[in-house]
Amino acid sequence: MKFTFYGHACFAVQIQETNIIFDPFISPNELAADIDVDAIKADYILISHGHGDHVADALRIAQNNEATIVSNFEIVSWYQNTHKYPKAHPMNHGGSWNFDFGKVKYTNAVHTSGLPDGSYGGYPGGFIVNSAEKNFYYAGDTALTYDMKLIPMWSKLDFAVLPIGDNFTMGYEDAAIAAEFIECDKIIGVHFDTFGFIKIDHSKAKAAFEAKGKELILPKIGETIDI
C-alpha cells in the first residue's frame, strides 16, 4: 500500500487502483507550498470533521476528480446543500459500509467541529479501513480516549495514523499510549509542526514510542512511502 503525506493531517493511500485522500488541507498550508493540489488524484475523500484545517481543499479535489466525499451526515449534507456537490456518502458513529476498496467504520473522536462558514459540523470522528491490502486506523483530531481499546475488536491493524502535536489534540506521549490501546506497532504521526501551537521535538516523539516498543514514522511533506 502506498501512503503519501501532504502535510498537517492530510494524507492519501492507494489501495490497488483506488486513491483515497483524508482531510485535505494543502493550499492554505505554507509548509505544503510545493504540492500541486490540482494534480492530486482521488476517488474518495474521507473527512474526519469540519474544521478548516481539514476541509480546505476537499471540494476542489472532489470536483477535479468527481470523487465521493465520505463523512458524517452533517458534513455530507453541507457539501450537498450548500455547495451543490451531490457525490457523497454519509456515515455516523459506530456505523460501517462496504466500499469498493474495503470496509470503513466510523469511530468516535473527542474534539470539536464546525464548518468554515459557521455551519454545524456534527460530531468529529475517525475511520477504520479494512482492505484486501492492509488494515489501518485514522484517529482524526482527538484526545486519548478509552474507546480506542475497542478498535482491536474490529480490526487487526497493520498501521495507524494518529495526531501527535498536542494543544488541539493528544500529544505524542498520549499518542504512544493510544498505540498500546489499539494494539498497533507502526504509527504514522500527523497534525504536528504546521504552526506554533503544535510544533514538536521529533527525537523526543520517536523516543516516546520506542519506549513502548512502537515505531513512529514522520514522513516529509510530499513523501510517498510503501507501508
C-alpha atoms as a PDB file:
ATOM      1  CA  MET A   1       0.000   0.000   0.000  1.00  0.00           C
ATOM      2  CA  LYS A   2       1.312   3.452  -0.913  1.00  0.00           C
ATOM      3  CA  PHE A   3       0.967   6.266   1.638  1.00  0.00           C
ATOM      4  CA  THR A   4       1.542   9.921   0.688  1.00  0.00           C
ATOM      5  CA  PHE A   5       1.775  12.698   3.255  1.00  0.00           C
ATOM      6  CA  TYR A   6       0.511  16.126   2.175  1.00  0.00           C
ATOM      7  CA  GLY A   7       1.156  17.952   5.439  1.00  0.00           C
ATOM      8  CA  HIS A   8      -0.755  18.646   8.651  1.00  0.00           C
ATOM      9  CA  ALA A   9      -3.379  15.857   8.891  1.00  0.00           C
ATOM     10  CA  CYS A  10      -3.768  15.335   5.151  1.00  0.00           C
ATOM     11  CA  PHE A  11      -2.612  12.089   3.573  1.00  0.00           C
ATOM     12  CA  ALA A  12      -3.551   9.714   0.794  1.00  0.00           C
ATOM     13  CA  VAL A  13      -3.484   5.956   0.464  1.00  0.00           C
ATOM     14  CA  GLN A  14      -3.626   3.927  -2.700  1.00  0.00           C
ATOM     15  CA  ILE A  15      -5.433   0.614  -2.316  1.00  0.00           C
ATOM     16  CA  GLN A  16      -4.897  -1.302  -5.537  1.00  0.00           C
ATOM     17  CA  GLU A  17      -6.204   1.164  -8.156  1.00  0.00           C
ATOM     18  CA  THR A  18      -8.274   3.286  -5.756  1.00  0.00           C
ATOM     19  CA  ASN A  19      -6.959   6.619  -4.449  1.00  0.00           C
ATOM     20  CA  ILE A  20      -8.286   7.881  -1.115  1.00  0.00           C
ATOM     21  CA  ILE A  21      -7.373  11.215   0.442  1.00  0.00           C
ATOM     22  CA  PHE A  22      -8.065  12.188   4.032  1.00  0.00           C
ATOM     23  CA  ASP A  23      -8.760  15.665   5.459  1.00  0.00           C
ATOM     24  CA  PRO A  24      -7.480  17.788   2.551  1.00  0.00           C
ATOM     25  CA  PHE A  25      -5.748  20.902   3.892  1.00  0.00           C
ATOM     26  CA  ILE A  26      -2.979  21.790   1.461  1.00  0.00           C
ATOM     27  CA  SER A  27      -3.293  25.144  -0.338  1.00  0.00           C
ATOM     28  CA  PRO A  28      -3.528  27.248   2.885  1.00  0.00           C
ATOM     29  CA  ASN A  29      -0.580  25.380   4.448  1.00  0.00           C
ATOM     30  CA  GLU A  30       2.664  27.255   3.798  1.00  0.00           C
ATOM     31  CA  LEU A  31       4.653  24.112   4.547  1.00  0.00           C
ATOM     32  CA  ALA A  32       2.902  22.365   1.624  1.00  0.00           C
ATOM     33  CA  ALA A  33       3.508  25.135  -0.920  1.00  0.00           C
ATOM     34  CA  ASP A  34       5.230  22.719  -3.320  1.00  0.00           C
ATOM     35  CA  ILE A  35       2.175  20.444  -3.570  1.00  0.00           C
ATOM     36  CA  ASP A  36       0.048  20.874  -6.703  1.00  0.00           C
ATOM     37  CA  VAL A  37      -3.472  20.374  -5.395  1.00  0.00           C
ATOM     38  CA  ASP A  38      -4.909  20.059  -8.886  1.00  0.00           C
ATOM     39  CA  ALA A  39      -2.576  17.151  -9.673  1.00  0.00           C
ATOM     40  CA  ILE A  40      -3.896  15.043  -6.798  1.00  0.00           C
ATOM     41  CA  LYS A  41      -5.919  12.001  -7.861  1.00  0.00           C
ATOM     42  CA  ALA A  42      -8.770  10.943  -5.624  1.00  0.00           C
ATOM     43  CA  ASP A  43     -11.651   8.509  -5.940  1.00  0.00           C
ATOM     44  CA  TYR A  44     -12.766   9.098  -2.349  1.00  0.00           C
ATOM     45  CA  ILE A  45     -12.270  11.920   0.155  1.00  0.00           C
ATOM     46  CA  LEU A  46     -12.708  10.951   3.811  1.00  0.00           C
ATOM     47  CA  ILE A  47     -13.263  13.855   6.188  1.00  0.00           C
ATOM     48  CA  SER A  48     -12.991  13.381   9.952  1.00  0.00           C
ATOM     49  CA  HIS A  49     -14.565  16.721  10.986  1.00  0.00           C
ATOM     50  CA  GLY A  50     -15.430  20.160   9.671  1.00  0.00           C
ATOM     51  CA  HIS A  51     -12.596  22.441  10.762  1.00  0.00           C
ATOM     52  CA  GLY A  52     -10.974  24.463   8.006  1.00  0.00           C
ATOM     53  CA  ASP A  53      -7.609  22.779   8.513  1.00  0.00           C
ATOM     54  CA  HIS A  54      -9.253  19.506   7.453  1.00  0.00           C
ATOM     55  CA  VAL A  55     -11.641  20.526   4.668  1.00  0.00           C
ATOM     56  CA  ALA A  56      -9.951  23.468   2.917  1.00  0.00           C
ATOM     57  CA  ASP A  57      -9.324  21.670  -0.406  1.00  0.00           C
ATOM     58  CA  ALA A  58     -11.966  18.957  -0.208  1.00  0.00           C
ATOM     59  CA  LEU A  59     -14.439  20.490  -2.641  1.00  0.00           C
ATOM     60  CA  ARG A  60     -11.721  21.452  -5.127  1.00  0.00           C
ATOM     61  CA  ILE A  61     -10.259  17.951  -5.166  1.00  0.00           C
ATOM     62  CA  ALA A  62     -13.715  16.375  -5.301  1.00  0.00           C
ATOM     63  CA  GLN A  63     -14.749  18.468  -8.309  1.00  0.00           C
ATOM     64  CA  ASN A  64     -11.451  17.843 -10.106  1.00  0.00           C
ATOM     65  CA  ASN A  65     -11.882  14.087  -9.774  1.00  0.00           C
ATOM     66  CA  GLU A  66     -15.635  13.530  -9.373  1.00  0.00           C
ATOM     67  CA  ALA A  67     -14.670  11.911  -6.094  1.00  0.00           C
ATOM     68  CA  THR A  68     -17.061  10.656  -3.432  1.00  0.00           C
ATOM     69  CA  ILE A  69     -16.954  12.599  -0.163  1.00  0.00           C
ATOM     70  CA  VAL A  70     -17.369  10.384   2.926  1.00  0.00           C
ATOM     71  CA  SER A  71     -18.028  11.954   6.308  1.00  0.00           C
ATOM     72  CA  ASN A  72     -20.670  12.378   8.958  1.00  0.00           C
ATOM     73  CA  PHE A  73     -24.236  13.267   7.979  1.00  0.00           C
ATOM     74  CA  GLU A  74     -23.898  16.983   8.723  1.00  0.00           C
ATOM     75  CA  ILE A  75     -20.717  17.486   6.681  1.00  0.00           C
ATOM     76  CA  VAL A  76     -22.049  15.478   3.746  1.00  0.00           C
ATOM     77  CA  SER A  77     -25.285  17.472   3.852  1.00  0.00           C
ATOM     78  CA  TRP A  78     -23.267  20.718   3.837  1.00  0.00           C
ATOM     79  CA  TYR A  79     -21.494  19.730   0.637  1.00  0.00           C
ATOM     80  CA  GLN A  80     -24.720  18.564  -0.959  1.00  0.00           C
ATOM     81  CA  ASN A  81     -26.901  21.528   0.049  1.00  0.00           C
ATOM     82  CA  THR A  82     -24.548  24.492   0.388  1.00  0.00           C
ATOM     83  CA  HIS A  83     -22.089  23.582  -2.360  1.00  0.00           C
ATOM     84  CA  LYS A  84     -24.446  21.555  -4.560  1.00  0.00           C
ATOM     85  CA  TYR A  85     -21.954  18.699  -4.714  1.00  0.00           C
ATOM     86  CA  PRO A  86     -24.074  15.536  -4.861  1.00  0.00           C
ATOM     87  CA  LYS A  87     -21.496  12.752  -4.856  1.00  0.00           C
ATOM     88  CA  ALA A  88     -21.209  11.926  -1.177  1.00  0.00           C
ATOM     89  CA  HIS A  89     -21.798   9.149   1.322  1.00  0.00           C
ATOM     90  CA  PRO A  90     -22.980   9.983   4.872  1.00  0.00           C
ATOM     91  CA  MET A  91     -21.927   7.949   7.901  1.00  0.00           C
ATOM     92  CA  ASN A  92     -22.224   8.223  11.647  1.00  0.00           C
ATOM     93  CA  HIS A  93     -20.531   6.883  14.754  1.00  0.00           C
ATOM     94  CA  GLY A  94     -20.388   3.111  15.055  1.00  0.00           C
ATOM     95  CA  GLY A  95     -21.629   2.568  11.518  1.00  0.00           C
ATOM     96  CA  SER A  96     -19.742   0.817   8.737  1.00  0.00           C
ATOM     97  CA  TRP A  97     -20.080   0.485   4.981  1.00  0.00           C
ATOM     98  CA  ASN A  98     -18.548  -1.765   2.336  1.00  0.00           C
ATOM     99  CA  PHE A  99     -16.993   0.396  -0.378  1.00  0.00           C
ATOM    100  CA  ASP A 100     -15.299  -0.994  -3.465  1.00  0.00           C
ATOM    101  CA  PHE A 101     -11.859  -0.574  -1.807  1.00  0.00           C
ATOM    102  CA  GLY A 102     -12.824  -2.144   1.536  1.00  0.00           C
ATOM    103  CA  LYS A 103     -14.899  -1.766   4.668  1.00  0.00           C
ATOM    104  CA  VAL A 104     -14.948   1.578   6.524  1.00  0.00           C
ATOM    105  CA  LYS A 105     -16.084   2.006  10.118  1.00  0.00           C
ATOM    106  CA  TYR A 106     -16.714   5.481  11.541  1.00  0.00           C
ATOM    107  CA  THR A 107     -15.287   5.741  15.058  1.00  0.00           C
ATOM    108  CA  ASN A 108     -15.516   8.114  17.996  1.00  0.00           C
ATOM    109  CA  ALA A 109     -13.167  11.074  18.398  1.00  0.00           C
ATOM    110  CA  VAL A 110     -13.027  13.565  21.250  1.00  0.00           C
ATOM    111  CA  HIS A 111     -12.670  17.017  19.705  1.00  0.00           C
ATOM    112  CA  THR A 112     -14.868  19.856  18.428  1.00  0.00           C
ATOM    113  CA  SER A 113     -16.254  20.532  14.970  1.00  0.00           C
ATOM    114  CA  GLY A 114     -17.820  23.289  12.926  1.00  0.00           C
ATOM    115  CA  LEU A 115     -17.609  24.168   9.236  1.00  0.00           C
ATOM    116  CA  PRO A 116     -15.753  27.173   7.791  1.00  0.00           C
ATOM    117  CA  ASP A 117     -18.935  29.218   7.269  1.00  0.00           C
ATOM    118  CA  GLY A 118     -20.101  28.597  10.829  1.00  0.00           C
ATOM    119  CA  SER A 119     -22.459  25.752   9.959  1.00  0.00           C
ATOM    120  CA  TYR A 120     -22.851  22.881  12.394  1.00  0.00           C
ATOM    121  CA  GLY A 121     -20.341  20.158  11.560  1.00  0.00           C
ATOM    122  CA  GLY A 122     -21.754  17.319  13.626  1.00  0.00           C
ATOM    123  CA  TYR A 123     -19.503  15.300  15.894  1.00  0.00           C
ATOM    124  CA  PRO A 124     -15.902  14.567  14.881  1.00  0.00           C
ATOM    125  CA  GLY A 125     -14.816  11.028  14.151  1.00  0.00           C
ATOM    126  CA  GLY A 126     -12.149   8.719  12.826  1.00  0.00           C
ATOM    127  CA  PHE A 127     -12.051   5.829  10.381  1.00  0.00           C
ATOM    128  CA  ILE A 128     -11.027   2.189  10.412  1.00  0.00           C
ATOM    129  CA  VAL A 129     -10.323   0.899   6.908  1.00  0.00           C
ATOM    130  CA  ASN A 130     -10.163  -2.860   6.378  1.00  0.00           C
ATOM    131  CA  SER A 131      -8.977  -3.760   2.892  1.00  0.00           C
ATOM    132  CA  ALA A 132      -7.505  -6.662   0.969  1.00  0.00           C
ATOM    133  CA  GLU A 133      -4.085  -4.987   1.195  1.00  0.00           C
ATOM    134  CA  LYS A 134      -3.789  -3.524   4.705  1.00  0.00           C
ATOM    135  CA  ASN A 135      -5.959  -2.538   7.648  1.00  0.00           C
ATOM    136  CA  PHE A 136      -5.451   0.861   9.231  1.00  0.00           C
ATOM    137  CA  TYR A 137      -6.992   3.378  11.614  1.00  0.00           C
ATOM    138  CA  TYR A 138      -7.057   7.137  11.195  1.00  0.00           C
ATOM    139  CA  ALA A 139      -7.984   8.724  14.512  1.00  0.00           C
ATOM    140  CA  GLY A 140      -8.806  12.195  13.201  1.00  0.00           C
ATOM    141  CA  ASP A 141      -8.316  15.022  15.675  1.00  0.00           C
ATOM    142  CA  THR A 142      -8.843  13.509  19.106  1.00  0.00           C
ATOM    143  CA  ALA A 143      -7.806  13.264  22.700  1.00  0.00           C
ATOM    144  CA  LEU A 144      -6.672   9.940  24.069  1.00  0.00           C
ATOM    145  CA  THR A 145      -9.846   8.024  24.793  1.00  0.00           C
ATOM    146  CA  TYR A 146     -10.588   4.680  26.364  1.00  0.00           C
ATOM    147  CA  ASP A 147     -12.862   3.943  23.389  1.00  0.00           C
ATOM    148  CA  MET A 148      -9.688   3.175  21.461  1.00  0.00           C
ATOM    149  CA  LYS A 149      -9.486  -0.119  23.355  1.00  0.00           C
ATOM    150  CA  LEU A 150     -12.458  -1.288  21.272  1.00  0.00           C
ATOM    151  CA  ILE A 151     -10.613  -0.949  17.979  1.00  0.00           C
ATOM    152  CA  PRO A 152      -8.734  -4.287  18.166  1.00  0.00           C
ATOM    153  CA  MET A 153     -12.166  -5.956  18.386  1.00  0.00           C
ATOM    154  CA  TRP A 154     -12.980  -4.611  14.926  1.00  0.00           C
ATOM    155  CA  SER A 155      -9.646  -4.798  13.146  1.00  0.00           C
ATOM    156  CA  LYS A 156      -6.140  -6.205  13.370  1.00  0.00           C
ATOM    157  CA  LEU A 157      -4.269  -3.098  12.327  1.00  0.00           C
ATOM    158  CA  ASP A 158      -1.198  -3.015  10.111  1.00  0.00           C
ATOM    159  CA  PHE A 159      -0.647   0.669  10.889  1.00  0.00           C
ATOM    160  CA  ALA A 160      -2.411   3.683  12.363  1.00  0.00           C
ATOM    161  CA  VAL A 161      -2.378   7.420  11.705  1.00  0.00           C
ATOM    162  CA  LEU A 162      -2.510   9.423  14.935  1.00  0.00           C
ATOM    163  CA  PRO A 163      -2.299  13.138  15.786  1.00  0.00           C
ATOM    164  CA  ILE A 164       0.743  13.917  17.918  1.00  0.00           C
ATOM    165  CA  GLY A 165       1.040  17.724  18.035  1.00  0.00           C
ATOM    166  CA  ASP A 166      -0.609  18.391  21.422  1.00  0.00           C
ATOM    167  CA  ASN A 167      -2.610  21.527  22.380  1.00  0.00           C
ATOM    168  CA  PHE A 168      -5.526  20.849  19.987  1.00  0.00           C
ATOM    169  CA  THR A 169      -5.208  17.031  20.032  1.00  0.00           C
ATOM    170  CA  MET A 170      -3.351  14.461  22.066  1.00  0.00           C
ATOM    171  CA  GLY A 171       0.397  14.942  22.188  1.00  0.00           C
ATOM    172  CA  TYR A 172       2.940  12.285  21.367  1.00  0.00           C
ATOM    173  CA  GLU A 173       3.004  10.939  24.939  1.00  0.00           C
ATOM    174  CA  ASP A 174      -0.734  10.214  24.858  1.00  0.00           C
ATOM    175  CA  ALA A 175      -0.499   9.016  21.258  1.00  0.00           C
ATOM    176  CA  ALA A 176       2.049   6.409  22.359  1.00  0.00           C
ATOM    177  CA  ILE A 177      -0.490   5.187  24.905  1.00  0.00           C
ATOM    178  CA  ALA A 178      -3.125   5.174  22.159  1.00  0.00           C
ATOM    179  CA  ALA A 179      -0.838   2.897  20.134  1.00  0.00           C
ATOM    180  CA  GLU A 180      -0.967   0.425  23.024  1.00  0.00           C
ATOM    181  CA  PHE A 181      -4.754   0.722  23.308  1.00  0.00           C
ATOM    182  CA  ILE A 182      -5.253  -0.033  19.598  1.00  0.00           C
ATOM    183  CA  GLU A 183      -2.577  -2.787  19.666  1.00  0.00           C
ATOM    184  CA  CYS A 184      -0.656  -1.330  16.747  1.00  0.00           C
ATOM    185  CA  ASP A 185       3.149  -1.220  16.439  1.00  0.00           C
ATOM    186  CA  LYS A 186       3.511   1.035  13.379  1.00  0.00           C
ATOM    187  CA  ILE A 187       2.260   4.606  13.774  1.00  0.00           C
ATOM    188  CA  ILE A 188       2.356   7.495  11.324  1.00  0.00           C
ATOM    189  CA  GLY A 189       2.229  10.836  13.092  1.00  0.00           C
ATOM    190  CA  VAL A 190       0.151  13.758  11.780  1.00  0.00           C
ATOM    191  CA  HIS A 191      -1.154  17.128  12.988  1.00  0.00           C
ATOM    192  CA  PHE A 192       2.238  18.487  14.053  1.00  0.00           C
ATOM    193  CA  ASP A 193       4.613  21.362  13.156  1.00  0.00           C
ATOM    194  CA  THR A 194       2.112  23.254  10.954  1.00  0.00           C
ATOM    195  CA  PHE A 195       2.050  26.266  13.296  1.00  0.00           C
ATOM    196  CA  GLY A 196       3.467  27.286  16.644  1.00  0.00           C
ATOM    197  CA  PHE A 197       0.950  25.637  18.933  1.00  0.00           C
ATOM    198  CA  ILE A 198       1.726  22.161  17.574  1.00  0.00           C
ATOM    199  CA  LYS A 199       5.479  22.205  16.934  1.00  0.00           C
ATOM    200  CA  ILE A 200       7.152  19.152  18.420  1.00  0.00           C
ATOM    201  CA  ASP A 201      10.601  17.735  19.127  1.00  0.00           C
ATOM    202  CA  HIS A 202      10.855  14.868  16.640  1.00  0.00           C
ATOM    203  CA  SER A 203      13.521  12.948  18.537  1.00  0.00           C
ATOM    204  CA  LYS A 204      11.548  13.065  21.794  1.00  0.00           C
ATOM    205  CA  ALA A 205       8.384  11.999  19.995  1.00  0.00           C
ATOM    206  CA  LYS A 206      10.099   8.977  18.463  1.00  0.00           C
ATOM    207  CA  ALA A 207      11.668   8.088  21.806  1.00  0.00           C
ATOM    208  CA  ALA A 208       8.249   8.091  23.491  1.00  0.00           C
ATOM    209  CA  PHE A 209       7.069   5.446  21.049  1.00  0.00           C
ATOM    210  CA  GLU A 210      10.285   3.441  21.169  1.00  0.00           C
ATOM    211  CA  ALA A 211       9.926   3.223  24.956  1.00  0.00           C
ATOM    212  CA  LYS A 212       6.702   1.288  24.384  1.00  0.00           C
ATOM    213  CA  GLY A 213       8.115  -0.899  21.607  1.00  0.00           C
ATOM    214  CA  LYS A 214       6.356   1.101  18.880  1.00  0.00           C
ATOM    215  CA  GLU A 215       7.625   2.727  15.694  1.00  0.00           C
ATOM    216  CA  LEU A 216       6.725   6.364  14.954  1.00  0.00           C
ATOM    217  CA  ILE A 217       7.055   7.388  11.309  1.00  0.00           C
ATOM    218  CA  LEU A 218       7.206  11.105  10.499  1.00  0.00           C
ATOM    219  CA  PRO A 219       7.148  11.385   6.700  1.00  0.00           C
ATOM    220  CA  LYS A 220       8.162  14.571   4.921  1.00  0.00           C
ATOM    221  CA  ILE A 221       5.511  16.617   3.140  1.00  0.00           C
ATOM    222  CA  GLY A 222       5.078  15.241  -0.364  1.00  0.00           C
ATOM    223  CA  GLU A 223       6.809  11.972   0.508  1.00  0.00           C
ATOM    224  CA  THR A 224       5.303   8.655  -0.624  1.00  0.00           C
ATOM    225  CA  ILE A 225       6.190   5.523   1.298  1.00  0.00           C
ATOM    226  CA  ASP A 226       5.322   1.859   0.903  1.00  0.00           C
ATOM    227  CA  ILE A 227       3.732   0.655   4.086  1.00  0.00           C
END
